[in-house]
N, C-alpha and C. Protein backbone atom coordinates (compact mmCIF):
# COMPACT_ATOMS: atom_id res chain seq x y z
N UNK A 1 -8.32 -9.98 -13.66
CA UNK A 1 -8.34 -11.25 -12.97
C UNK A 1 -8.92 -11.07 -11.57
N UNK A 2 -9.78 -11.98 -11.19
CA UNK A 2 -10.44 -11.92 -9.90
C UNK A 2 -9.48 -12.37 -8.81
N UNK A 3 -9.36 -11.55 -7.76
CA UNK A 3 -8.43 -11.91 -6.69
C UNK A 3 -9.04 -12.88 -5.69
N UNK A 4 -10.34 -13.11 -5.79
CA UNK A 4 -11.01 -14.05 -4.89
C UNK A 4 -11.23 -15.37 -5.59
N UNK A 5 -10.99 -16.43 -4.87
CA UNK A 5 -11.17 -17.78 -5.41
C UNK A 5 -12.51 -18.32 -4.92
N UNK A 6 -13.28 -18.93 -5.81
CA UNK A 6 -14.58 -19.45 -5.42
C UNK A 6 -14.42 -20.65 -4.48
N UNK A 7 -15.43 -20.86 -3.67
CA UNK A 7 -15.41 -22.00 -2.74
C UNK A 7 -15.30 -23.30 -3.52
N UNK A 8 -15.93 -23.36 -4.68
CA UNK A 8 -15.88 -24.57 -5.51
C UNK A 8 -14.46 -24.86 -5.95
N UNK A 9 -13.78 -23.84 -6.40
CA UNK A 9 -12.40 -23.99 -6.85
C UNK A 9 -11.51 -24.34 -5.67
N UNK A 10 -11.76 -23.75 -4.51
CA UNK A 10 -10.96 -24.06 -3.32
C UNK A 10 -11.13 -25.52 -2.90
N UNK A 11 -12.37 -26.01 -2.97
CA UNK A 11 -12.63 -27.42 -2.64
C UNK A 11 -11.90 -28.32 -3.62
N UNK A 12 -12.01 -28.02 -4.91
CA UNK A 12 -11.33 -28.82 -5.93
C UNK A 12 -9.83 -28.79 -5.73
N UNK A 13 -9.28 -27.63 -5.47
CA UNK A 13 -7.84 -27.52 -5.24
C UNK A 13 -7.39 -28.34 -4.03
N UNK A 14 -8.20 -28.31 -2.97
CA UNK A 14 -7.86 -29.08 -1.77
C UNK A 14 -7.83 -30.57 -2.08
N UNK A 15 -8.79 -31.04 -2.90
CA UNK A 15 -8.83 -32.46 -3.24
C UNK A 15 -7.70 -32.84 -4.19
N UNK A 16 -7.36 -31.96 -5.12
CA UNK A 16 -6.27 -32.24 -6.06
C UNK A 16 -4.93 -32.31 -5.33
N UNK A 17 -4.73 -31.42 -4.37
CA UNK A 17 -3.46 -31.39 -3.63
C UNK A 17 -3.33 -32.54 -2.64
N UNK A 18 -4.43 -33.15 -2.27
CA UNK A 18 -4.43 -34.23 -1.29
C UNK A 18 -3.73 -35.46 -1.83
N UNK A 19 -2.84 -36.02 -1.05
CA UNK A 19 -2.15 -37.25 -1.43
C UNK A 19 -2.35 -38.35 -0.38
N UNK A 20 -3.25 -38.12 0.57
CA UNK A 20 -3.42 -39.05 1.69
C UNK A 20 -4.69 -39.87 1.60
N UNK A 21 -5.22 -40.08 0.44
CA UNK A 21 -6.44 -40.87 0.32
C UNK A 21 -7.68 -40.00 0.48
N UNK A 22 -8.74 -40.60 1.00
CA UNK A 22 -10.01 -39.90 1.11
C UNK A 22 -9.94 -38.84 2.20
N UNK A 23 -10.49 -37.66 1.89
CA UNK A 23 -10.52 -36.56 2.84
C UNK A 23 -11.95 -36.40 3.37
N UNK A 24 -12.12 -36.38 4.69
CA UNK A 24 -13.45 -36.09 5.23
C UNK A 24 -13.81 -34.62 4.97
N UNK A 25 -15.09 -34.31 5.03
CA UNK A 25 -15.57 -32.95 4.76
C UNK A 25 -14.91 -31.95 5.69
N UNK A 26 -14.73 -32.31 6.93
CA UNK A 26 -14.11 -31.41 7.91
C UNK A 26 -12.69 -31.03 7.46
N UNK A 27 -11.94 -32.00 7.00
CA UNK A 27 -10.57 -31.73 6.55
C UNK A 27 -10.57 -30.89 5.27
N UNK A 28 -11.50 -31.18 4.36
CA UNK A 28 -11.61 -30.38 3.14
C UNK A 28 -11.88 -28.93 3.51
N UNK A 29 -12.78 -28.71 4.46
CA UNK A 29 -13.12 -27.34 4.89
C UNK A 29 -11.90 -26.63 5.45
N UNK A 30 -11.11 -27.32 6.25
CA UNK A 30 -9.93 -26.69 6.84
C UNK A 30 -8.88 -26.35 5.79
N UNK A 31 -8.70 -27.23 4.81
CA UNK A 31 -7.71 -26.97 3.77
C UNK A 31 -8.21 -25.89 2.81
N UNK A 32 -9.49 -25.98 2.41
CA UNK A 32 -10.03 -25.06 1.41
C UNK A 32 -10.27 -23.67 1.98
N UNK A 33 -10.70 -23.58 3.22
CA UNK A 33 -11.10 -22.30 3.79
C UNK A 33 -10.14 -21.75 4.84
N UNK A 34 -9.19 -22.56 5.25
CA UNK A 34 -8.24 -22.13 6.26
C UNK A 34 -8.68 -22.51 7.66
N UNK A 35 -7.86 -22.21 8.66
CA UNK A 35 -8.21 -22.57 10.04
C UNK A 35 -9.40 -21.76 10.53
N UNK A 36 -10.18 -22.37 11.41
CA UNK A 36 -11.37 -21.71 11.96
C UNK A 36 -11.09 -21.25 13.38
N UNK A 37 -11.51 -20.04 13.74
CA UNK A 37 -11.23 -19.52 15.08
C UNK A 37 -12.05 -20.19 16.19
N UNK A 38 -13.24 -20.70 15.86
CA UNK A 38 -14.05 -21.37 16.88
C UNK A 38 -14.98 -22.38 16.22
N UNK A 39 -15.74 -23.10 17.05
CA UNK A 39 -16.58 -24.18 16.53
C UNK A 39 -17.74 -23.67 15.68
N UNK A 40 -18.23 -22.47 15.95
CA UNK A 40 -19.32 -21.93 15.14
C UNK A 40 -18.85 -21.69 13.71
N UNK A 41 -17.67 -21.11 13.55
CA UNK A 41 -17.13 -20.89 12.21
C UNK A 41 -16.78 -22.21 11.54
N UNK A 42 -16.33 -23.16 12.32
CA UNK A 42 -16.00 -24.48 11.78
C UNK A 42 -17.26 -25.14 11.20
N UNK A 43 -18.37 -25.06 11.93
CA UNK A 43 -19.64 -25.60 11.45
C UNK A 43 -20.07 -24.91 10.15
N UNK A 44 -19.92 -23.60 10.10
CA UNK A 44 -20.26 -22.85 8.89
C UNK A 44 -19.40 -23.31 7.70
N UNK A 45 -18.11 -23.50 7.96
CA UNK A 45 -17.21 -23.95 6.90
C UNK A 45 -17.57 -25.34 6.40
N UNK A 46 -17.88 -26.24 7.31
CA UNK A 46 -18.27 -27.60 6.93
C UNK A 46 -19.56 -27.57 6.12
N UNK A 47 -20.51 -26.74 6.54
CA UNK A 47 -21.76 -26.63 5.78
C UNK A 47 -21.52 -26.05 4.39
N UNK A 48 -20.59 -25.10 4.28
CA UNK A 48 -20.24 -24.54 2.96
C UNK A 48 -19.70 -25.63 2.04
N UNK A 49 -18.84 -26.47 2.57
CA UNK A 49 -18.27 -27.56 1.77
C UNK A 49 -19.37 -28.54 1.37
N UNK A 50 -20.24 -28.89 2.30
CA UNK A 50 -21.32 -29.82 1.98
C UNK A 50 -22.23 -29.27 0.89
N UNK A 51 -22.50 -27.97 0.94
CA UNK A 51 -23.37 -27.36 -0.07
C UNK A 51 -22.69 -27.25 -1.44
N UNK A 52 -21.39 -27.15 -1.46
CA UNK A 52 -20.68 -26.88 -2.71
C UNK A 52 -19.90 -28.05 -3.27
N UNK A 53 -19.88 -29.19 -2.59
CA UNK A 53 -19.08 -30.33 -3.08
C UNK A 53 -19.60 -30.81 -4.43
N UNK A 54 -20.91 -30.78 -4.64
CA UNK A 54 -21.46 -31.19 -5.93
C UNK A 54 -20.98 -30.30 -7.06
N UNK A 55 -20.90 -29.00 -6.80
CA UNK A 55 -20.39 -28.07 -7.81
C UNK A 55 -18.90 -28.31 -8.06
N UNK A 56 -18.17 -28.64 -7.02
CA UNK A 56 -16.75 -28.95 -7.18
C UNK A 56 -16.57 -30.22 -8.01
N UNK A 57 -17.46 -31.19 -7.83
CA UNK A 57 -17.40 -32.42 -8.62
C UNK A 57 -17.66 -32.11 -10.09
N UNK A 58 -18.62 -31.23 -10.37
CA UNK A 58 -18.89 -30.82 -11.75
C UNK A 58 -17.70 -30.06 -12.34
N UNK A 59 -17.11 -29.19 -11.54
CA UNK A 59 -15.94 -28.44 -11.98
C UNK A 59 -14.78 -29.40 -12.29
N UNK A 60 -14.62 -30.42 -11.47
CA UNK A 60 -13.58 -31.42 -11.71
C UNK A 60 -13.85 -32.16 -13.03
N UNK A 61 -15.10 -32.52 -13.26
CA UNK A 61 -15.45 -33.23 -14.49
C UNK A 61 -15.16 -32.37 -15.71
N UNK A 62 -15.37 -31.07 -15.61
CA UNK A 62 -15.07 -30.20 -16.74
C UNK A 62 -13.56 -30.06 -16.96
N UNK A 63 -12.77 -30.42 -15.96
CA UNK A 63 -11.30 -30.42 -16.06
C UNK A 63 -10.74 -31.83 -16.23
N UNK A 64 -11.59 -32.77 -16.67
CA UNK A 64 -11.20 -34.16 -16.91
C UNK A 64 -10.69 -34.88 -15.66
N UNK A 65 -11.26 -34.55 -14.51
CA UNK A 65 -10.95 -35.24 -13.27
C UNK A 65 -12.23 -35.87 -12.76
N UNK A 66 -12.09 -36.92 -11.97
CA UNK A 66 -13.26 -37.56 -11.37
C UNK A 66 -13.07 -37.61 -9.87
N UNK A 67 -14.03 -37.04 -9.15
CA UNK A 67 -14.00 -37.09 -7.69
C UNK A 67 -14.93 -38.22 -7.27
N UNK A 68 -14.42 -39.09 -6.41
CA UNK A 68 -15.22 -40.21 -5.93
C UNK A 68 -15.44 -40.06 -4.43
N UNK A 69 -16.53 -40.66 -3.98
CA UNK A 69 -16.88 -40.61 -2.57
C UNK A 69 -16.73 -41.98 -1.96
N UNK A 70 -16.26 -42.01 -0.74
CA UNK A 70 -16.19 -43.26 0.02
C UNK A 70 -17.41 -43.29 0.93
N UNK A 71 -18.19 -44.36 0.81
CA UNK A 71 -19.44 -44.47 1.57
C UNK A 71 -19.29 -45.53 2.65
N UNK A 72 -19.93 -45.26 3.77
CA UNK A 72 -19.97 -46.23 4.87
C UNK A 72 -21.43 -46.44 5.26
N UNK A 73 -21.83 -47.69 5.45
CA UNK A 73 -23.23 -47.94 5.82
C UNK A 73 -23.55 -47.36 7.20
N UNK A 74 -24.76 -46.83 7.32
CA UNK A 74 -25.18 -46.30 8.62
C UNK A 74 -25.87 -47.38 9.45
N UNK A 75 -26.32 -48.43 8.78
CA UNK A 75 -26.95 -49.56 9.46
C UNK A 75 -26.26 -50.83 9.01
N UNK A 76 -26.22 -51.81 9.87
CA UNK A 76 -25.60 -53.09 9.54
C UNK A 76 -26.43 -53.75 8.45
N UNK A 77 -25.76 -54.36 7.48
CA UNK A 77 -26.39 -55.06 6.36
C UNK A 77 -27.34 -54.17 5.57
N UNK A 78 -26.95 -52.93 5.34
CA UNK A 78 -27.79 -52.01 4.57
C UNK A 78 -26.96 -51.40 3.45
N UNK A 79 -27.44 -51.58 2.24
CA UNK A 79 -26.74 -50.97 1.12
C UNK A 79 -27.37 -49.64 0.73
N UNK A 80 -28.59 -49.37 1.20
CA UNK A 80 -29.26 -48.13 0.84
C UNK A 80 -29.01 -47.01 1.85
N UNK A 81 -28.75 -47.36 3.08
CA UNK A 81 -28.51 -46.35 4.11
C UNK A 81 -27.00 -46.21 4.32
N UNK A 82 -26.48 -45.09 3.90
CA UNK A 82 -25.04 -44.87 4.02
C UNK A 82 -24.77 -43.39 4.24
N UNK A 83 -23.55 -43.11 4.64
CA UNK A 83 -23.09 -41.73 4.73
C UNK A 83 -21.75 -41.65 4.03
N UNK A 84 -21.44 -40.50 3.54
CA UNK A 84 -20.17 -40.30 2.85
C UNK A 84 -19.14 -39.91 3.89
N UNK A 85 -18.03 -40.66 3.91
CA UNK A 85 -17.00 -40.41 4.91
C UNK A 85 -15.79 -39.68 4.33
N UNK A 86 -15.73 -39.54 3.00
CA UNK A 86 -14.61 -38.82 2.42
C UNK A 86 -14.69 -38.74 0.91
N UNK A 87 -13.90 -37.83 0.35
CA UNK A 87 -13.83 -37.62 -1.09
C UNK A 87 -12.37 -37.62 -1.51
N UNK A 88 -12.13 -37.96 -2.76
CA UNK A 88 -10.79 -37.84 -3.33
C UNK A 88 -10.87 -37.81 -4.84
N UNK A 89 -9.80 -37.34 -5.47
CA UNK A 89 -9.70 -37.38 -6.92
C UNK A 89 -9.27 -38.78 -7.30
N UNK A 90 -10.03 -39.40 -8.20
CA UNK A 90 -9.76 -40.79 -8.58
C UNK A 90 -8.48 -40.88 -9.40
N UNK A 91 -7.75 -41.98 -9.17
CA UNK A 91 -6.59 -42.30 -9.99
C UNK A 91 -6.65 -43.79 -10.35
N UNK A 92 -5.60 -44.30 -10.92
CA UNK A 92 -5.63 -45.69 -11.40
C UNK A 92 -5.74 -46.71 -10.27
N UNK A 93 -5.43 -46.35 -9.06
CA UNK A 93 -5.50 -47.29 -7.95
C UNK A 93 -6.91 -47.37 -7.32
N UNK A 94 -7.84 -46.63 -7.84
CA UNK A 94 -9.18 -46.55 -7.25
C UNK A 94 -10.23 -47.33 -8.01
N UNK A 95 -9.84 -48.40 -8.65
CA UNK A 95 -10.78 -49.17 -9.47
C UNK A 95 -11.98 -49.64 -8.65
N UNK A 96 -11.75 -50.10 -7.45
CA UNK A 96 -12.85 -50.58 -6.59
C UNK A 96 -13.86 -49.46 -6.33
N UNK A 97 -13.37 -48.27 -5.99
CA UNK A 97 -14.26 -47.15 -5.66
C UNK A 97 -14.98 -46.63 -6.89
N UNK A 98 -14.30 -46.65 -8.03
CA UNK A 98 -14.95 -46.20 -9.27
C UNK A 98 -16.07 -47.16 -9.64
N UNK A 99 -15.83 -48.46 -9.51
CA UNK A 99 -16.88 -49.44 -9.79
C UNK A 99 -18.06 -49.25 -8.85
N UNK A 100 -17.77 -49.00 -7.57
CA UNK A 100 -18.84 -48.77 -6.60
C UNK A 100 -19.65 -47.53 -6.95
N UNK A 101 -18.98 -46.48 -7.41
CA UNK A 101 -19.68 -45.25 -7.80
C UNK A 101 -20.58 -45.50 -9.00
N UNK A 102 -20.08 -46.25 -9.97
CA UNK A 102 -20.88 -46.56 -11.16
C UNK A 102 -22.08 -47.42 -10.78
N UNK A 103 -21.87 -48.43 -9.93
CA UNK A 103 -22.97 -49.28 -9.49
C UNK A 103 -24.02 -48.47 -8.72
N UNK A 104 -23.58 -47.55 -7.90
CA UNK A 104 -24.50 -46.71 -7.14
C UNK A 104 -25.36 -45.87 -8.08
N UNK A 105 -24.72 -45.29 -9.08
CA UNK A 105 -25.47 -44.47 -10.04
C UNK A 105 -26.42 -45.32 -10.87
N UNK A 106 -26.00 -46.53 -11.24
CA UNK A 106 -26.87 -47.44 -11.99
C UNK A 106 -28.08 -47.85 -11.15
N UNK A 107 -27.86 -48.08 -9.85
CA UNK A 107 -28.98 -48.40 -8.95
C UNK A 107 -29.96 -47.24 -8.87
N UNK A 108 -29.45 -46.02 -8.79
CA UNK A 108 -30.32 -44.85 -8.74
C UNK A 108 -31.14 -44.71 -10.02
N UNK A 109 -30.50 -44.96 -11.15
CA UNK A 109 -31.21 -44.89 -12.43
C UNK A 109 -32.31 -45.94 -12.47
N UNK A 110 -32.01 -47.14 -12.02
CA UNK A 110 -32.99 -48.22 -12.01
C UNK A 110 -34.16 -47.89 -11.08
N UNK A 111 -33.86 -47.36 -9.90
CA UNK A 111 -34.92 -46.98 -8.96
C UNK A 111 -35.79 -45.88 -9.55
N UNK A 112 -35.17 -44.89 -10.19
CA UNK A 112 -35.93 -43.82 -10.81
C UNK A 112 -36.81 -44.36 -11.93
N UNK A 113 -36.27 -45.24 -12.72
CA UNK A 113 -37.03 -45.83 -13.82
C UNK A 113 -38.22 -46.63 -13.29
N UNK A 114 -38.01 -47.42 -12.25
CA UNK A 114 -39.10 -48.18 -11.64
C UNK A 114 -40.18 -47.25 -11.09
N UNK A 115 -39.76 -46.19 -10.43
CA UNK A 115 -40.71 -45.22 -9.87
C UNK A 115 -41.51 -44.55 -10.98
N UNK A 116 -40.84 -44.17 -12.04
CA UNK A 116 -41.52 -43.54 -13.18
C UNK A 116 -42.53 -44.50 -13.80
N UNK A 117 -42.13 -45.73 -14.01
CA UNK A 117 -43.04 -46.71 -14.62
C UNK A 117 -44.27 -46.95 -13.74
N UNK A 118 -44.07 -47.04 -12.44
CA UNK A 118 -45.19 -47.23 -11.53
C UNK A 118 -46.13 -46.02 -11.57
N UNK A 119 -45.57 -44.83 -11.54
CA UNK A 119 -46.35 -43.60 -11.60
C UNK A 119 -47.14 -43.52 -12.90
N UNK A 120 -46.48 -43.81 -14.02
CA UNK A 120 -47.14 -43.76 -15.33
C UNK A 120 -48.25 -44.78 -15.42
N UNK A 121 -48.02 -45.99 -14.93
CA UNK A 121 -49.06 -47.03 -15.00
C UNK A 121 -50.26 -46.65 -14.13
N UNK A 122 -50.04 -46.01 -13.00
CA UNK A 122 -51.16 -45.58 -12.16
C UNK A 122 -51.94 -44.45 -12.81
N UNK A 123 -51.25 -43.56 -13.51
CA UNK A 123 -51.95 -42.51 -14.24
C UNK A 123 -52.86 -43.09 -15.30
N UNK A 124 -52.37 -44.10 -16.03
CA UNK A 124 -53.17 -44.73 -17.07
C UNK A 124 -54.32 -45.52 -16.44
N UNK A 125 -54.05 -46.27 -15.37
CA UNK A 125 -55.10 -47.04 -14.70
C UNK A 125 -56.24 -46.17 -14.19
N UNK A 126 -55.89 -45.00 -13.66
CA UNK A 126 -56.89 -44.09 -13.12
C UNK A 126 -57.46 -43.15 -14.18
N UNK A 127 -57.09 -43.39 -15.43
CA UNK A 127 -57.59 -42.63 -16.58
C UNK A 127 -57.31 -41.13 -16.45
N UNK A 128 -56.16 -40.81 -15.89
CA UNK A 128 -55.75 -39.42 -15.80
C UNK A 128 -54.96 -38.98 -17.02
N UNK A 129 -54.49 -39.95 -17.78
CA UNK A 129 -53.77 -39.68 -19.02
C UNK A 129 -54.01 -40.85 -19.96
N UNK A 130 -54.09 -40.55 -21.22
CA UNK A 130 -54.28 -41.60 -22.22
C UNK A 130 -52.93 -42.27 -22.51
N UNK A 131 -52.95 -43.58 -22.76
CA UNK A 131 -51.69 -44.26 -23.08
C UNK A 131 -50.95 -43.64 -24.27
N UNK A 132 -51.72 -43.18 -25.26
CA UNK A 132 -51.08 -42.56 -26.43
C UNK A 132 -50.39 -41.25 -26.05
N UNK A 133 -50.99 -40.49 -25.11
CA UNK A 133 -50.35 -39.25 -24.65
C UNK A 133 -49.07 -39.56 -23.89
N UNK A 134 -49.09 -40.64 -23.11
CA UNK A 134 -47.92 -41.05 -22.37
C UNK A 134 -46.78 -41.44 -23.32
N UNK A 135 -47.12 -42.13 -24.39
CA UNK A 135 -46.10 -42.50 -25.39
C UNK A 135 -45.50 -41.26 -26.04
N UNK A 136 -46.34 -40.23 -26.27
CA UNK A 136 -45.83 -38.98 -26.87
C UNK A 136 -44.85 -38.29 -25.92
N UNK A 137 -45.17 -38.33 -24.62
CA UNK A 137 -44.28 -37.70 -23.63
C UNK A 137 -42.94 -38.42 -23.54
N UNK A 138 -42.95 -39.74 -23.74
CA UNK A 138 -41.72 -40.52 -23.64
C UNK A 138 -40.82 -40.39 -24.85
N UNK A 139 -41.36 -39.93 -25.96
CA UNK A 139 -40.51 -39.84 -27.17
C UNK A 139 -39.95 -38.48 -27.37
């Protein structure tokens, strides 16, 4: 058995143990990695959490948990410009946040699809690819 715990597992454990709602990245770093002796180490710890939170989310999904993010707009009246202010393991009281997460992912899928369609149509218009070849790639 490995005596060292991965940063991903530490992040997940910090979120699972949390009972106070959404945890900011700074708090996750302190719980997952322990107290920091100075601001340089604190910055390193926060960056470690930022780099590994996606892996922790995947690890949670493999354990039948869902981690959701709370987003705050960075500009007034902007739905596309936001920053994540905290994470938590979803439970039955988080219906609003789960719906927001699903809508966000659906928007990203739609944007990607629109971008792909525009790119493909320009390739065909400029005769860089035949329409039949494009259909083969899509199937």
